[in-house]
Amino acid sequence: MKKINYYDNKNIIHSRLRYFRKKLRLTQEQVVARLQTMNVNIDQQALSKIENNLRIVTDYELACLCLALGVTEAEMLSDFHEKYPE
């Protein structure tokens, strides 16, 4: 199986995801519960792996994470856009 990395990152949202979750004072379990109401099959361990840059994020997971945390995709991807401006 081909390894999917971007400059040694499994995903580019890990730090912003943790930032927004903590800003809202949500536990990983609470975020997972919100995702599960959107039919996203993810558990606390998977969310932890995303936050620790050990797991990729699918497009629908990104969209649902943004909805669950009340942020836009642009906000979630802001670290990437700051590092690689247009």
PDB file of N, CA and C in Angstrom:
ATOM      1  N   MET A   1       0.839  -1.175   0.000  1.00  0.00           N
ATOM      2  CA  MET A   1       0.000   0.000   0.000  1.00  0.00           C
ATOM      3  C   MET A   1       0.882   1.236   0.000  1.00  0.00           C
ATOM      4  N   LYS A   2       0.525   2.201  -0.821  1.00  0.00           N
ATOM      5  CA  LYS A   2       1.293   3.427  -0.942  1.00  0.00           C
ATOM      6  C   LYS A   2       1.102   4.305   0.300  1.00  0.00           C
ATOM      7  N   LYS A   3       2.206   4.816   0.809  1.00  0.00           N
ATOM      8  CA  LYS A   3       2.124   5.722   1.950  1.00  0.00           C
ATOM      9  C   LYS A   3       1.692   7.100   1.465  1.00  0.00           C
ATOM     10  N   ILE A   4       0.779   7.701   2.181  1.00  0.00           N
ATOM     11  CA  ILE A   4       0.288   9.022   1.820  1.00  0.00           C
ATOM     12  C   ILE A   4       0.814  10.018   2.841  1.00  0.00           C
ATOM     13  N   ASN A   5       1.735  10.842   2.413  1.00  0.00           N
ATOM     14  CA  ASN A   5       2.326  11.872   3.273  1.00  0.00           C
ATOM     15  C   ASN A   5       2.478  13.164   2.492  1.00  0.00           C
ATOM     16  N   TYR A   6       2.476  14.269   3.199  1.00  0.00           N
ATOM     17  CA  TYR A   6       2.753  15.570   2.620  1.00  0.00           C
ATOM     18  C   TYR A   6       3.786  16.224   3.519  1.00  0.00           C
ATOM     19  N   TYR A   7       5.046  16.239   3.067  1.00  0.00           N
ATOM     20  CA  TYR A   7       6.140  16.743   3.892  1.00  0.00           C
ATOM     21  C   TYR A   7       6.123  16.105   5.276  1.00  0.00           C
ATOM     22  N   ASP A   8       6.058  14.804   5.315  1.00  0.00           N
ATOM     23  CA  ASP A   8       6.048  14.000   6.538  1.00  0.00           C
ATOM     24  C   ASP A   8       4.801  14.191   7.394  1.00  0.00           C
ATOM     25  N   ASN A   9       3.753  14.748   6.837  1.00  0.00           N
ATOM     26  CA  ASN A   9       2.488  14.904   7.551  1.00  0.00           C
ATOM     27  C   ASN A   9       1.463  13.938   6.994  1.00  0.00           C
ATOM     28  N   LYS A  10       0.710  13.325   7.881  1.00  0.00           N
ATOM     29  CA  LYS A  10      -0.414  12.494   7.459  1.00  0.00           C
ATOM     30  C   LYS A  10      -1.614  13.368   7.111  1.00  0.00           C
ATOM     31  N   ASN A  11      -1.705  14.535   7.757  1.00  0.00           N
ATOM     32  CA  ASN A  11      -2.767  15.489   7.448  1.00  0.00           C
ATOM     33  C   ASN A  11      -2.250  16.892   7.747  1.00  0.00           C
ATOM     34  N   ILE A  12      -2.938  17.893   7.237  1.00  0.00           N
ATOM     35  CA  ILE A  12      -2.478  19.271   7.433  1.00  0.00           C
ATOM     36  C   ILE A  12      -3.368  20.056   8.396  1.00  0.00           C
ATOM     37  N   ILE A  13      -4.289  19.363   9.047  1.00  0.00           N
ATOM     38  CA  ILE A  13      -5.197  20.068   9.958  1.00  0.00           C
ATOM     39  C   ILE A  13      -4.971  19.727  11.418  1.00  0.00           C
ATOM     40  N   HIS A  14      -4.028  18.856  11.723  1.00  0.00           N
ATOM     41  CA  HIS A  14      -3.910  18.322  13.088  1.00  0.00           C
ATOM     42  C   HIS A  14      -3.793  19.408  14.157  1.00  0.00           C
ATOM     43  N   SER A  15      -2.977  20.408  13.948  1.00  0.00           N
ATOM     44  CA  SER A  15      -2.793  21.427  14.990  1.00  0.00           C
ATOM     45  C   SER A  15      -4.004  22.347  15.108  1.00  0.00           C
ATOM     46  N   ARG A  16      -4.633  22.706  13.986  1.00  0.00           N
ATOM     47  CA  ARG A  16      -5.824  23.565  14.046  1.00  0.00           C
ATOM     48  C   ARG A  16      -7.004  22.801  14.635  1.00  0.00           C
ATOM     49  N   LEU A  17      -7.105  21.535  14.328  1.00  0.00           N
ATOM     50  CA  LEU A  17      -8.177  20.711  14.894  1.00  0.00           C
ATOM     51  C   LEU A  17      -8.084  20.706  16.411  1.00  0.00           C
ATOM     52  N   ARG A  18      -6.905  20.435  16.932  1.00  0.00           N
ATOM     53  CA  ARG A  18      -6.724  20.434  18.386  1.00  0.00           C
ATOM     54  C   ARG A  18      -7.001  21.828  18.967  1.00  0.00           C
ATOM     55  N   TYR A  19      -6.515  22.875  18.287  1.00  0.00           N
ATOM     56  CA  TYR A  19      -6.720  24.251  18.756  1.00  0.00           C
ATOM     57  C   TYR A  19      -8.214  24.560  18.880  1.00  0.00           C
ATOM     58  N   PHE A  20      -8.980  24.307  17.825  1.00  0.00           N
ATOM     59  CA  PHE A  20     -10.414  24.632  17.861  1.00  0.00           C
ATOM     60  C   PHE A  20     -11.159  23.768  18.869  1.00  0.00           C
ATOM     61  N   ARG A  21     -10.796  22.507  18.982  1.00  0.00           N
ATOM     62  CA  ARG A  21     -11.460  21.635  19.965  1.00  0.00           C
ATOM     63  C   ARG A  21     -11.232  22.153  21.373  1.00  0.00           C
ATOM     64  N   LYS A  22      -9.995  22.499  21.677  1.00  0.00           N
ATOM     65  CA  LYS A  22      -9.688  22.997  23.019  1.00  0.00           C
ATOM     66  C   LYS A  22     -10.288  24.377  23.264  1.00  0.00           C
ATOM     67  N   LYS A  23     -10.324  25.202  22.228  1.00  0.00           N
ATOM     68  CA  LYS A  23     -10.935  26.529  22.351  1.00  0.00           C
ATOM     69  C   LYS A  23     -12.406  26.413  22.759  1.00  0.00           C
ATOM     70  N   LEU A  24     -13.066  25.396  22.228  1.00  0.00           N
ATOM     71  CA  LEU A  24     -14.471  25.157  22.566  1.00  0.00           C
ATOM     72  C   LEU A  24     -14.642  24.340  23.841  1.00  0.00           C
ATOM     73  N   ARG A  25     -13.512  23.955  24.443  1.00  0.00           N
ATOM     74  CA  ARG A  25     -13.506  23.147  25.664  1.00  0.00           C
ATOM     75  C   ARG A  25     -14.263  21.833  25.475  1.00  0.00           C
ATOM     76  N   LEU A  26     -13.993  21.199  24.343  1.00  0.00           N
ATOM     77  CA  LEU A  26     -14.603  19.908  24.040  1.00  0.00           C
ATOM     78  C   LEU A  26     -13.576  18.803  24.207  1.00  0.00           C
ATOM     79  N   THR A  27     -14.018  17.681  24.701  1.00  0.00           N
ATOM     80  CA  THR A  27     -13.151  16.509  24.744  1.00  0.00           C
ATOM     81  C   THR A  27     -13.187  15.839  23.371  1.00  0.00           C
ATOM     82  N   GLN A  28     -12.250  14.948  23.155  1.00  0.00           N
ATOM     83  CA  GLN A  28     -12.270  14.182  21.911  1.00  0.00           C
ATOM     84  C   GLN A  28     -13.548  13.364  21.825  1.00  0.00           C
ATOM     85  N   GLU A  29     -13.991  12.831  22.938  1.00  0.00           N
ATOM     86  CA  GLU A  29     -15.219  12.034  22.960  1.00  0.00           C
ATOM     87  C   GLU A  29     -16.429  12.876  22.546  1.00  0.00           C
ATOM     88  N   GLN A  30     -16.466  14.120  22.977  1.00  0.00           N
ATOM     89  CA  GLN A  30     -17.580  14.996  22.611  1.00  0.00           C
ATOM     90  C   GLN A  30     -17.576  15.312  21.120  1.00  0.00           C
ATOM     91  N   VAL A  31     -16.398  15.516  20.563  1.00  0.00           N
ATOM     92  CA  VAL A  31     -16.302  15.761  19.122  1.00  0.00           C
ATOM     93  C   VAL A  31     -16.731  14.511  18.358  1.00  0.00           C
ATOM     94  N   VAL A  32     -16.279  13.356  18.808  1.00  0.00           N
ATOM     95  CA  VAL A  32     -16.665  12.089  18.175  1.00  0.00           C
ATOM     96  C   VAL A  32     -18.182  11.917  18.214  1.00  0.00           C
ATOM     97  N   ALA A  33     -18.806  12.247  19.324  1.00  0.00           N
ATOM     98  CA  ALA A  33     -20.264  12.127  19.437  1.00  0.00           C
ATOM     99  C   ALA A  33     -20.955  13.024  18.416  1.00  0.00           C
ATOM    100  N   ARG A  34     -20.438  14.230  18.233  1.00  0.00           N
ATOM    101  CA  ARG A  34     -21.010  15.134  17.229  1.00  0.00           C
ATOM    102  C   ARG A  34     -20.847  14.556  15.825  1.00  0.00           C
ATOM    103  N   LEU A  35     -19.680  13.987  15.553  1.00  0.00           N
ATOM    104  CA  LEU A  35     -19.433  13.392  14.237  1.00  0.00           C
ATOM    105  C   LEU A  35     -20.346  12.198  13.989  1.00  0.00           C
ATOM    106  N   GLN A  36     -20.568  11.398  15.019  1.00  0.00           N
ATOM    107  CA  GLN A  36     -21.406  10.218  14.859  1.00  0.00           C
ATOM    108  C   GLN A  36     -22.851  10.577  14.561  1.00  0.00           C
ATOM    109  N   THR A  37     -23.312  11.747  15.027  1.00  0.00           N
ATOM    110  CA  THR A  37     -24.670  12.191  14.675  1.00  0.00           C
ATOM    111  C   THR A  37     -24.759  12.577  13.204  1.00  0.00           C
ATOM    112  N   MET A  38     -23.592  12.806  12.566  1.00  0.00           N
ATOM    113  CA  MET A  38     -23.535  13.105  11.133  1.00  0.00           C
ATOM    114  C   MET A  38     -23.200  11.859  10.320  1.00  0.00           C
ATOM    115  N   ASN A  39     -23.285  10.690  10.967  1.00  0.00           N
ATOM    116  CA  ASN A  39     -23.008   9.408  10.328  1.00  0.00           C
ATOM    117  C   ASN A  39     -21.546   9.249   9.915  1.00  0.00           C
ATOM    118  N   VAL A  40     -20.651   9.895  10.646  1.00  0.00           N
ATOM    119  CA  VAL A  40     -19.213   9.713  10.421  1.00  0.00           C
ATOM    120  C   VAL A  40     -18.742   8.661  11.408  1.00  0.00           C
ATOM    121  N   ASN A  41     -18.290   7.536  10.878  1.00  0.00           N
ATOM    122  CA  ASN A  41     -17.874   6.412  11.710  1.00  0.00           C
ATOM    123  C   ASN A  41     -16.426   6.618  12.147  1.00  0.00           C
ATOM    124  N   ILE A  42     -16.257   7.262  13.282  1.00  0.00           N
ATOM    125  CA  ILE A  42     -14.933   7.567  13.822  1.00  0.00           C
ATOM    126  C   ILE A  42     -15.006   7.402  15.334  1.00  0.00           C
ATOM    127  N   ASP A  43     -13.915   6.948  15.929  1.00  0.00           N
ATOM    128  CA  ASP A  43     -13.893   6.807  17.381  1.00  0.00           C
ATOM    129  C   ASP A  43     -12.834   7.739  17.976  1.00  0.00           C
ATOM    130  N   GLN A  44     -12.737   7.749  19.293  1.00  0.00           N
ATOM    131  CA  GLN A  44     -11.820   8.651  19.985  1.00  0.00           C
ATOM    132  C   GLN A  44     -10.378   8.370  19.603  1.00  0.00           C
ATOM    133  N   GLN A  45     -10.021   7.109  19.441  1.00  0.00           N
ATOM    134  CA  GLN A  45      -8.645   6.770  19.074  1.00  0.00           C
ATOM    135  C   GLN A  45      -8.286   7.306  17.691  1.00  0.00           C
ATOM    136  N   ALA A  46      -9.225   7.237  16.761  1.00  0.00           N
ATOM    137  CA  ALA A  46      -8.977   7.763  15.415  1.00  0.00           C
ATOM    138  C   ALA A  46      -8.824   9.274  15.453  1.00  0.00           C
ATOM    139  N   LEU A  47      -9.664   9.952  16.242  1.00  0.00           N
ATOM    140  CA  LEU A  47      -9.545  11.407  16.362  1.00  0.00           C
ATOM    141  C   LEU A  47      -8.210  11.772  16.999  1.00  0.00           C
ATOM    142  N   SER A  48      -7.783  11.020  17.984  1.00  0.00           N
ATOM    143  CA  SER A  48      -6.484  11.249  18.611  1.00  0.00           C
ATOM    144  C   SER A  48      -5.364  11.096  17.588  1.00  0.00           C
ATOM    145  N   LYS A  49      -5.459  10.091  16.735  1.00  0.00           N
ATOM    146  CA  LYS A  49      -4.444   9.891  15.697  1.00  0.00           C
ATOM    147  C   LYS A  49      -4.426  11.053  14.714  1.00  0.00           C
ATOM    148  N   ILE A  50      -5.597  11.592  14.396  1.00  0.00           N
ATOM    149  CA  ILE A  50      -5.649  12.761  13.509  1.00  0.00           C
ATOM    150  C   ILE A  50      -4.955  13.950  14.180  1.00  0.00           C
ATOM    151  N   GLU A  51      -5.296  14.208  15.440  1.00  0.00           N
ATOM    152  CA  GLU A  51      -4.696  15.329  16.164  1.00  0.00           C
ATOM    153  C   GLU A  51      -3.191  15.161  16.354  1.00  0.00           C
ATOM    154  N   ASN A  52      -2.718  13.928  16.381  1.00  0.00           N
ATOM    155  CA  ASN A  52      -1.292  13.660  16.546  1.00  0.00           C
ATOM    156  C   ASN A  52      -0.580  13.414  15.217  1.00  0.00           C
ATOM    157  N   ASN A  53      -1.274  13.732  14.123  1.00  0.00           N
ATOM    158  CA  ASN A  53      -0.680  13.676  12.793  1.00  0.00           C
ATOM    159  C   ASN A  53      -0.272  12.260  12.397  1.00  0.00           C
ATOM    160  N   LEU A  54      -1.038  11.268  12.841  1.00  0.00           N
ATOM    161  CA  LEU A  54      -0.733   9.871  12.565  1.00  0.00           C
ATOM    162  C   LEU A  54      -1.756   9.216  11.638  1.00  0.00           C
ATOM    163  N   ARG A  55      -2.762   9.982  11.205  1.00  0.00           N
ATOM    164  CA  ARG A  55      -3.837   9.423  10.374  1.00  0.00           C
ATOM    165  C   ARG A  55      -4.272  10.465   9.356  1.00  0.00           C
ATOM    166  N   ILE A  56      -4.578   9.987   8.152  1.00  0.00           N
ATOM    167  CA  ILE A  56      -5.084  10.902   7.136  1.00  0.00           C
ATOM    168  C   ILE A  56      -6.514  11.304   7.468  1.00  0.00           C
ATOM    169  N   VAL A  57      -6.980  12.370   6.817  1.00  0.00           N
ATOM    170  CA  VAL A  57      -8.348  12.858   6.983  1.00  0.00           C
ATOM    171  C   VAL A  57      -9.003  12.852   5.605  1.00  0.00           C
ATOM    172  N   THR A  58     -10.154  12.240   5.505  1.00  0.00           N
ATOM    173  CA  THR A  58     -10.873  12.245   4.225  1.00  0.00           C
ATOM    174  C   THR A  58     -11.587  13.576   4.046  1.00  0.00           C
ATOM    175  N   ASP A  59     -12.022  13.827   2.831  1.00  0.00           N
ATOM    176  CA  ASP A  59     -12.705  15.088   2.558  1.00  0.00           C
ATOM    177  C   ASP A  59     -14.003  15.217   3.360  1.00  0.00           C
ATOM    178  N   TYR A  60     -14.782  14.145   3.466  1.00  0.00           N
ATOM    179  CA  TYR A  60     -16.020  14.242   4.229  1.00  0.00           C
ATOM    180  C   TYR A  60     -15.748  14.393   5.723  1.00  0.00           C
ATOM    181  N   GLU A  61     -14.653  13.794   6.218  1.00  0.00           N
ATOM    182  CA  GLU A  61     -14.299  13.984   7.627  1.00  0.00           C
ATOM    183  C   GLU A  61     -13.924  15.436   7.887  1.00  0.00           C
ATOM    184  N   LEU A  62     -13.174  16.036   6.972  1.00  0.00           N
ATOM    185  CA  LEU A  62     -12.818  17.453   7.118  1.00  0.00           C
ATOM    186  C   LEU A  62     -14.069  18.313   7.164  1.00  0.00           C
ATOM    187  N   ALA A  63     -14.979  18.102   6.224  1.00  0.00           N
ATOM    188  CA  ALA A  63     -16.211  18.892   6.184  1.00  0.00           C
ATOM    189  C   ALA A  63     -17.021  18.723   7.468  1.00  0.00           C
ATOM    190  N   CYS A  64     -17.144  17.503   7.938  1.00  0.00           N
ATOM    191  CA  CYS A  64     -17.928  17.242   9.148  1.00  0.00           C
ATOM    192  C   CYS A  64     -17.228  17.747  10.404  1.00  0.00           C
ATOM    193  N   LEU A  65     -15.902  17.653  10.461  1.00  0.00           N
ATOM    194  CA  LEU A  65     -15.172  18.223  11.596  1.00  0.00           C
ATOM    195  C   LEU A  65     -15.413  19.723  11.681  1.00  0.00           C
ATOM    196  N   CYS A  66     -15.409  20.382  10.534  1.00  0.00           N
ATOM    197  CA  CYS A  66     -15.664  21.824  10.520  1.00  0.00           C
ATOM    198  C   CYS A  66     -17.064  22.135  11.033  1.00  0.00           C
ATOM    199  N   LEU A  67     -18.048  21.369  10.574  1.00  0.00           N
ATOM    200  CA  LEU A  67     -19.420  21.563  11.067  1.00  0.00           C
ATOM    201  C   LEU A  67     -19.511  21.299  12.563  1.00  0.00           C
ATOM    202  N   ALA A  68     -18.884  20.239  13.023  1.00  0.00           N
ATOM    203  CA  ALA A  68     -18.948  19.866  14.441  1.00  0.00           C
ATOM    204  C   ALA A  68     -18.311  20.926  15.329  1.00  0.00           C
ATOM    205  N   LEU A  69     -17.304  21.618  14.808  1.00  0.00           N
ATOM    206  CA  LEU A  69     -16.598  22.630  15.603  1.00  0.00           C
ATOM    207  C   LEU A  69     -17.044  24.050  15.278  1.00  0.00           C
ATOM    208  N   GLY A  70     -17.925  24.200  14.306  1.00  0.00           N
ATOM    209  CA  GLY A  70     -18.441  25.522  13.955  1.00  0.00           C
ATOM    210  C   GLY A  70     -17.408  26.433  13.312  1.00  0.00           C
ATOM    211  N   VAL A  71     -16.534  25.844  12.500  1.00  0.00           N
ATOM    212  CA  VAL A  71     -15.519  26.631  11.799  1.00  0.00           C
ATOM    213  C   VAL A  71     -15.617  26.337  10.307  1.00  0.00           C
ATOM    214  N   THR A  72     -15.012  27.200   9.509  1.00  0.00           N
ATOM    215  CA  THR A  72     -15.009  26.996   8.072  1.00  0.00           C
ATOM    216  C   THR A  72     -13.813  26.127   7.681  1.00  0.00           C
ATOM    217  N   GLU A  73     -13.883  25.603   6.490  1.00  0.00           N
ATOM    218  CA  GLU A  73     -12.753  24.833   5.974  1.00  0.00           C
ATOM    219  C   GLU A  73     -11.516  25.729   5.867  1.00  0.00           C
ATOM    220  N   ALA A  74     -11.712  26.995   5.484  1.00  0.00           N
ATOM    221  CA  ALA A  74     -10.589  27.929   5.383  1.00  0.00           C
ATOM    222  C   ALA A  74      -9.919  28.137   6.734  1.00  0.00           C
ATOM    223  N   GLU A  75     -10.720  28.222   7.786  1.00  0.00           N
ATOM    224  CA  GLU A  75     -10.140  28.365   9.127  1.00  0.00           C
ATOM    225  C   GLU A  75      -9.360  27.111   9.516  1.00  0.00           C
ATOM    226  N   MET A  76      -9.910  25.947   9.202  1.00  0.00           N
ATOM    227  CA  MET A  76      -9.241  24.702   9.556  1.00  0.00           C
ATOM    228  C   MET A  76      -7.938  24.536   8.769  1.00  0.00           C
ATOM    229  N   LEU A  77      -7.899  25.072   7.557  1.00  0.00           N
ATOM    230  CA  LEU A  77      -6.724  24.939   6.701  1.00  0.00           C
ATOM    231  C   LEU A  77      -5.806  26.161   6.763  1.00  0.00           C
ATOM    232  N   SER A  78      -6.046  27.058   7.689  1.00  0.00           N
ATOM    233  CA  SER A  78      -5.313  28.330   7.711  1.00  0.00           C
ATOM    234  C   SER A  78      -3.802  28.158   7.899  1.00  0.00           C
ATOM    235  N   ASP A  79      -3.357  27.184   8.673  1.00  0.00           N
ATOM    236  CA  ASP A  79      -1.913  26.965   8.822  1.00  0.00           C
ATOM    237  C   ASP A  79      -1.276  26.645   7.475  1.00  0.00           C
ATOM    238  N   PHE A  80      -1.950  25.823   6.688  1.00  0.00           N
ATOM    239  CA  PHE A  80      -1.441  25.460   5.370  1.00  0.00           C
ATOM    240  C   PHE A  80      -1.364  26.685   4.463  1.00  0.00           C
ATOM    241  N   HIS A  81      -2.425  27.487   4.457  1.00  0.00           N
ATOM    242  CA  HIS A  81      -2.465  28.656   3.583  1.00  0.00           C
ATOM    243  C   HIS A  81      -1.458  29.726   4.011  1.00  0.00           C
ATOM    244  N   GLU A  82      -1.192  29.819   5.290  1.00  0.00           N
ATOM    245  CA  GLU A  82      -0.158  30.759   5.756  1.00  0.00           C
ATOM    246  C   GLU A  82       1.225  30.307   5.314  1.00  0.00           C
ATOM    247  N   LYS A  83       1.460  29.014   5.349  1.00  0.00           N
ATOM    248  CA  LYS A  83       2.761  28.480   4.978  1.00  0.00           C
ATOM    249  C   LYS A  83       2.974  28.483   3.470  1.00  0.00           C
ATOM    250  N   TYR A  84       1.888  28.261   2.723  1.00  0.00           N
ATOM    251  CA  TYR A  84       1.976  28.192   1.270  1.00  0.00           C
ATOM    252  C   TYR A  84       0.937  29.161   0.645  1.00  0.00           C
ATOM    253  N   PRO A  85       1.209  30.479   0.739  1.00  0.00           N
ATOM    254  CA  PRO A  85       0.237  31.433   0.172  1.00  0.00           C
ATOM    255  C   PRO A  85       0.173  31.295  -1.354  1.00  0.00           C
ATOM    256  N   GLU A  86      -0.906  31.760  -1.887  1.00  0.00           N
ATOM    257  CA  GLU A  86      -1.114  31.642  -3.342  1.00  0.00           C
ATOM    258  C   GLU A  86      -0.104  32.425  -4.132  1.00  0.00           C
TER     259      GLU A  86
END
